[in-house]
C-alpha atoms as a PDB file:
ATOM      1  CA  MET A   1      72.727  20.026  14.056  1.00  0.00           C
ATOM      2  CA  ARG A   2      73.888  17.610  11.203  1.00  0.00           C
ATOM      3  CA  GLY A   3      77.401  17.019  12.934  1.00  0.00           C
ATOM      4  CA  GLU A   4      76.037  16.027  16.271  1.00  0.00           C
ATOM      5  CA  ARG A   5      73.196  13.887  14.546  1.00  0.00           C
ATOM      6  CA  LEU A   6      75.947  11.853  12.681  1.00  0.00           C
ATOM      7  CA  VAL A   7      76.727   9.100  15.583  1.00  0.00           C
ATOM      8  CA  PRO A   8      73.244   8.444  16.489  1.00  0.00           C
ATOM      9  CA  GLU A   9      72.135   7.877  12.549  1.00  0.00           C
ATOM     10  CA  LEU A  10      75.150   5.913  12.422  1.00  0.00           C
ATOM     11  CA  VAL A  11      73.981   3.807  15.215  1.00  0.00           C
ATOM     12  CA  GLN A  12      70.234   3.623  13.752  1.00  0.00           C
ATOM     13  CA  PHE A  13      71.434   2.984  10.412  1.00  0.00           C
ATOM     14  CA  GLY A  14      73.229   0.237  11.650  1.00  0.00           C
ATOM     15  CA  LEU A  15      70.462  -1.526  13.626  1.00  0.00           C
ATOM     16  CA  VAL A  16      68.267  -0.666  10.481  1.00  0.00           C
ATOM     17  CA  GLY A  17      70.600  -2.221   8.366  1.00  0.00           C
ATOM     18  CA  GLY A  18      71.403  -5.513  10.638  1.00  0.00           C
ATOM     19  CA  ALA A  19      67.941  -6.310  10.374  1.00  0.00           C
ATOM     20  CA  GLY A  20      67.823  -5.816   6.591  1.00  0.00           C
ATOM     21  CA  PHE A  21      70.847  -7.669   6.226  1.00  0.00           C
ATOM     22  CA  LEU A  22      69.479 -10.806   8.154  1.00  0.00           C
ATOM     23  CA  LEU A  23      66.343 -10.628   5.815  1.00  0.00           C
ATOM     24  CA  ASP A  24      68.424 -10.355   2.782  1.00  0.00           C
ATOM     25  CA  VAL A  25      71.077 -13.210   3.696  1.00  0.00           C
ATOM     26  CA  GLY A  26      68.194 -15.237   5.162  1.00  0.00           C
ATOM     27  CA  LEU A  27      65.926 -14.942   1.904  1.00  0.00           C
ATOM     28  CA  PHE A  28      69.125 -15.309  -0.216  1.00  0.00           C
ATOM     29  CA  ASN A  29      69.992 -18.629   1.278  1.00  0.00           C
ATOM     30  CA  LEU A  30      66.562 -19.922   1.361  1.00  0.00           C
ATOM     31  CA  LEU A  31      66.081 -18.956  -2.243  1.00  0.00           C
ATOM     32  CA  SER A  32      69.591 -20.395  -3.432  1.00  0.00           C
ATOM     33  CA  LEU A  33      69.748 -23.521  -1.509  1.00  0.00           C
ATOM     34  CA  THR A  34      66.080 -24.432  -2.791  1.00  0.00           C
ATOM     35  CA  VAL A  35      64.167 -23.367  -5.786  1.00  0.00           C
ATOM     36  CA  LEU A  36      66.886 -21.085  -7.239  1.00  0.00           C
ATOM     37  CA  SER A  37      69.918 -23.261  -6.773  1.00  0.00           C
ATOM     38  CA  ALA A  38      72.495 -23.314  -9.502  1.00  0.00           C
ATOM     39  CA  HIS A  39      71.868 -26.883 -10.150  1.00  0.00           C
ATOM     40  CA  ALA A  40      67.783 -26.008 -10.481  1.00  0.00           C
ATOM     41  CA  VAL A  41      68.150 -22.976 -12.564  1.00  0.00           C
ATOM     42  CA  HIS A  42      70.944 -21.383 -14.346  1.00  0.00           C
ATOM     43  CA  GLY A  43      71.772 -17.962 -12.640  1.00  0.00           C
ATOM     44  CA  GLY A  44      69.705 -19.063  -9.720  1.00  0.00           C
ATOM     45  CA  PRO A  45      72.048 -17.632  -7.057  1.00  0.00           C
ATOM     46  CA  LEU A  46      71.768 -14.193  -8.820  1.00  0.00           C
ATOM     47  CA  TYR A  47      68.087 -14.218  -9.039  1.00  0.00           C
ATOM     48  CA  ALA A  48      68.181 -15.137  -5.369  1.00  0.00           C
ATOM     49  CA  LYS A  49      70.409 -12.037  -4.679  1.00  0.00           C
ATOM     50  CA  VAL A  50      68.059 -10.109  -6.581  1.00  0.00           C
ATOM     51  CA  ALA A  51      64.909 -11.281  -4.880  1.00  0.00           C
ATOM     52  CA  SER A  52      66.253 -10.944  -1.219  1.00  0.00           C
ATOM     53  CA  THR A  53      67.595  -7.380  -2.177  1.00  0.00           C
ATOM     54  CA  ILE A  54      64.193  -6.142  -3.133  1.00  0.00           C
ATOM     55  CA  VAL A  55      62.625  -7.386  -0.154  1.00  0.00           C
ATOM     56  CA  ALA A  56      65.353  -5.751   1.898  1.00  0.00           C
ATOM     57  CA  ILE A  57      65.259  -2.432   0.251  1.00  0.00           C
ATOM     58  CA  ALA A  58      61.428  -2.139   1.118  1.00  0.00           C
ATOM     59  CA  ALA A  59      62.357  -3.057   4.791  1.00  0.00           C
ATOM     60  CA  ASN A  60      65.328  -0.684   5.160  1.00  0.00           C
ATOM     61  CA  TRP A  61      63.019   2.123   3.654  1.00  0.00           C
ATOM     62  CA  VAL A  62      60.275   1.669   6.283  1.00  0.00           C
ATOM     63  CA  GLY A  63      63.046   1.258   8.999  1.00  0.00           C
ATOM     64  CA  ASN A  64      65.225   4.298   7.886  1.00  0.00           C
ATOM     65  CA  ARG A  65      61.981   6.613   7.218  1.00  0.00           C
ATOM     66  CA  TRP A  66      60.707   5.899  10.793  1.00  0.00           C
ATOM     67  CA  LEU A  67      63.933   5.671  12.720  1.00  0.00           C
ATOM     68  CA  THR A  68      67.073   6.755  11.472  1.00  0.00           C
ATOM     69  CA  PHE A  69      65.919   9.561   9.556  1.00  0.00           C
ATOM     70  CA  ARG A  70      62.464  10.193  11.494  1.00  0.00           C
ATOM     71  CA  ASP A  71      63.016  13.962  11.869  1.00  0.00           C
ATOM     72  CA  ARG A  72      63.715  14.475   7.958  1.00  0.00           C
ATOM     73  CA  ARG A  73      60.673  12.195   6.840  1.00  0.00           C
ATOM     74  CA  ARG A  74      59.584  14.295   3.637  1.00  0.00           C
ATOM     75  CA  PRO A  75      55.925  14.996   3.155  1.00  0.00           C
ATOM     76  CA  ASP A  76      56.311  13.634  -0.608  1.00  0.00           C
ATOM     77  CA  TRP A  77      56.900   9.861   0.705  1.00  0.00           C
ATOM     78  CA  LEU A  78      56.597   8.595  -2.952  1.00  0.00           C
ATOM     79  CA  ARG A  79      59.488  10.618  -4.121  1.00  0.00           C
ATOM     80  CA  GLU A  80      61.195   9.645  -1.093  1.00  0.00           C
ATOM     81  CA  ALA A  81      60.593   5.871  -1.769  1.00  0.00           C
ATOM     82  CA  ILE A  82      61.684   6.177  -5.220  1.00  0.00           C
ATOM     83  CA  GLU A  83      65.015   8.109  -4.542  1.00  0.00           C
ATOM     84  CA  PHE A  84      65.469   5.431  -1.523  1.00  0.00           C
ATOM     85  CA  GLY A  85      65.122   2.838  -3.904  1.00  0.00           C
ATOM     86  CA  LEU A  86      67.526   4.132  -6.606  1.00  0.00           C
ATOM     87  CA  VAL A  87      70.303   4.583  -4.157  1.00  0.00           C
ATOM     88  CA  SER A  88      69.479   1.228  -2.669  1.00  0.00           C
ATOM     89  CA  ILE A  89      69.729  -0.412  -6.083  1.00  0.00           C
ATOM     90  CA  GLY A  90      72.867   1.552  -6.676  1.00  0.00           C
ATOM     91  CA  GLY A  91      74.374  -0.233  -3.647  1.00  0.00           C
ATOM     92  CA  SER A  92      72.957  -3.271  -4.104  1.00  0.00           C
ATOM     93  CA  LEU A  93      74.496  -3.572  -7.775  1.00  0.00           C
ATOM     94  CA  LEU A  94      77.627  -3.458  -5.807  1.00  0.00           C
ATOM     95  CA  ALA A  95      76.870  -6.603  -3.789  1.00  0.00           C
ATOM     96  CA  ILE A  96      75.358  -8.201  -6.851  1.00  0.00           C
ATOM     97  CA  GLY A  97      78.232  -7.214  -8.858  1.00  0.00           C
ATOM     98  CA  CYS A  98      80.800  -8.851  -6.166  1.00  0.00           C
ATOM     99  CA  LEU A  99      78.885 -12.290  -6.548  1.00  0.00           C
ATOM    100  CA  GLY A 100      78.829 -12.156 -10.083  1.00  0.00           C
ATOM    101  CA  LEU A 101      82.770 -11.585 -10.282  1.00  0.00           C
ATOM    102  CA  SER A 102      83.178 -14.269  -7.791  1.00  0.00           C
ATOM    103  CA  HIS A 103      80.741 -16.889  -8.911  1.00  0.00           C
ATOM    104  CA  TYR A 104      81.001 -16.555 -12.672  1.00  0.00           C
ATOM    105  CA  LEU A 105      84.416 -14.921 -13.122  1.00  0.00           C
ATOM    106  CA  LEU A 106      86.661 -16.153 -10.434  1.00  0.00           C
ATOM    107  CA  HIS A 107      84.701 -19.709 -10.190  1.00  0.00           C
ATOM    108  CA  LEU A 108      84.336 -19.635  -6.307  1.00  0.00           C
ATOM    109  CA  THR A 109      80.868 -21.360  -6.478  1.00  0.00           C
ATOM    110  CA  SER A 110      80.589 -22.451  -2.977  1.00  0.00           C
ATOM    111  CA  PRO A 111      77.685 -21.586  -0.965  1.00  0.00           C
ATOM    112  CA  ILE A 112      80.162 -19.900   1.546  1.00  0.00           C
ATOM    113  CA  ALA A 113      82.067 -18.150  -1.397  1.00  0.00           C
ATOM    114  CA  ASP A 114      78.675 -16.715  -2.681  1.00  0.00           C
ATOM    115  CA  ASN A 115      77.916 -15.636   0.830  1.00  0.00           C
ATOM    116  CA  VAL A 116      81.136 -13.969   1.402  1.00  0.00           C
ATOM    117  CA  SER A 117      81.021 -11.978  -2.026  1.00  0.00           C
ATOM    118  CA  ALA A 118      77.523 -11.193  -2.042  1.00  0.00           C
ATOM    119  CA  ASN A 119      76.653 -10.798   1.985  1.00  0.00           C
ATOM    120  CA  VAL A 120      80.170  -9.597   3.339  1.00  0.00           C
ATOM    121  CA  VAL A 121      82.271  -7.552   0.686  1.00  0.00           C
ATOM    122  CA  GLY A 122      79.261  -6.537  -1.299  1.00  0.00           C
ATOM    123  CA  LEU A 123      77.108  -5.522   1.448  1.00  0.00           C
ATOM    124  CA  ALA A 124      79.834  -3.777   3.300  1.00  0.00           C
ATOM    125  CA  LEU A 125      80.618  -1.382   0.096  1.00  0.00           C
ATOM    126  CA  GLY A 126      77.024  -0.940  -0.547  1.00  0.00           C
ATOM    127  CA  SER A 127      76.202   0.098   2.825  1.00  0.00           C
ATOM    128  CA  ALA A 128      78.880   2.738   3.010  1.00  0.00           C
ATOM    129  CA  PHE A 129      77.664   4.180  -0.174  1.00  0.00           C
ATOM    130  CA  ARG A 130      74.080   4.130   0.876  1.00  0.00           C
ATOM    131  CA  PHE A 131      74.465   5.662   4.133  1.00  0.00           C
ATOM    132  CA  VAL A 132      76.382   8.672   2.405  1.00  0.00           C
ATOM    133  CA  ALA A 133      73.861   8.866  -0.427  1.00  0.00           C
ATOM    134  CA  TYR A 134      70.727   8.689   2.036  1.00  0.00           C
ATOM    135  CA  ARG A 135      72.128  11.258   4.477  1.00  0.00           C
ATOM    136  CA  TYR A 136      73.052  13.852   2.008  1.00  0.00           C
ATOM    137  CA  TRP A 137      70.425  13.238  -1.161  1.00  0.00           C
ATOM    138  CA  VAL A 138      67.558  11.576   0.148  1.00  0.00           C
ATOM    139  CA  TYR A 139      67.319  12.855   3.689  1.00  0.00           C
ATOM    140  CA  GLY A 140      69.704  15.936   2.843  1.00  0.00           C
ATOM    141  CA  PRO A 141      69.386  19.498   3.400  1.00  0.00           C
ATOM    142  CA  ARG A 142      67.266  20.004   0.507  1.00  0.00           C
ATOM    143  CA  ALA A 143      64.401  17.595   1.940  1.00  0.00           C
ATOM    144  CA  VAL A 144      61.670  19.526   3.517  1.00  0.00           C
ATOM    145  CA  PRO A 145      61.000  17.505   6.898  1.00  0.00           C
ATOM    146  CA  VAL A 146      57.562  15.951   7.346  1.00  0.00           C
ATOM    147  CA  ALA A 147      57.489  18.035  10.469  1.00  0.00           C
ATOM    148  CA  ALA A 148      56.781  20.974   8.433  1.00  0.00           C
ATOM    149  CA  ARG A 149      53.603  19.424   6.796  1.00  0.00           C
ATOM    150  CA  ALA A 150      50.935  17.961   9.213  1.00  0.00           C
ATOM    151  CA  ASP A 151      49.156  15.710   6.238  1.00  0.00           C
ATOM    152  CA  ALA A 152      52.321  13.197   5.599  1.00  0.00           C
ATOM    153  CA  SER A 153      50.539  10.102   6.696  1.00  0.00           C
ATOM    154  CA  ILE A 154      53.014   7.733   5.642  1.00  0.00           C
END
C-alpha cells in the first residue's frame, strides 16, 4: 500500500508545496522589499524569511493534512501539527541557512541572489527533507489514521 501511494503523494505534496512556495516567496519579497528591507532593518531579509516561512508552514500543514496525507490524518491533530511544525522548521532552517550563508558570508546581497539562495537552493533541500520526514514520521506507520476514530474534527 505504501509503495503504490508514493507517486500520488509526491504529486499532491508538490501541489501543496507549490502553493506554499508561492505564498512563502510572495510574502518574503513583499516584506524584504518594503518594511524588512536590508536598508530599513538590520537583518531584514532574515526576518522576512522567518515570517514568510511561518505563514507557509501553517498553510502547508492544512494542505498536507487534507490532501496529501488525508488517509493518514491523525486524531491527535495537535500532536500532528506540532510534529509537522518541527519537521517544517528543520527544513526551513536549511533555506534560512542558505540565505544567511549567501547574503552574509558570501556577500551576495542582491534580491536575485537572496531569492536563489533562499527560495531555490534552500527550499529544494528543505522540501526533500520534509517529504521524507512527513511520510515516515509525522504520517508514518506509527500514526493512527483519522479514519480509525470518528471524533477527529480538525
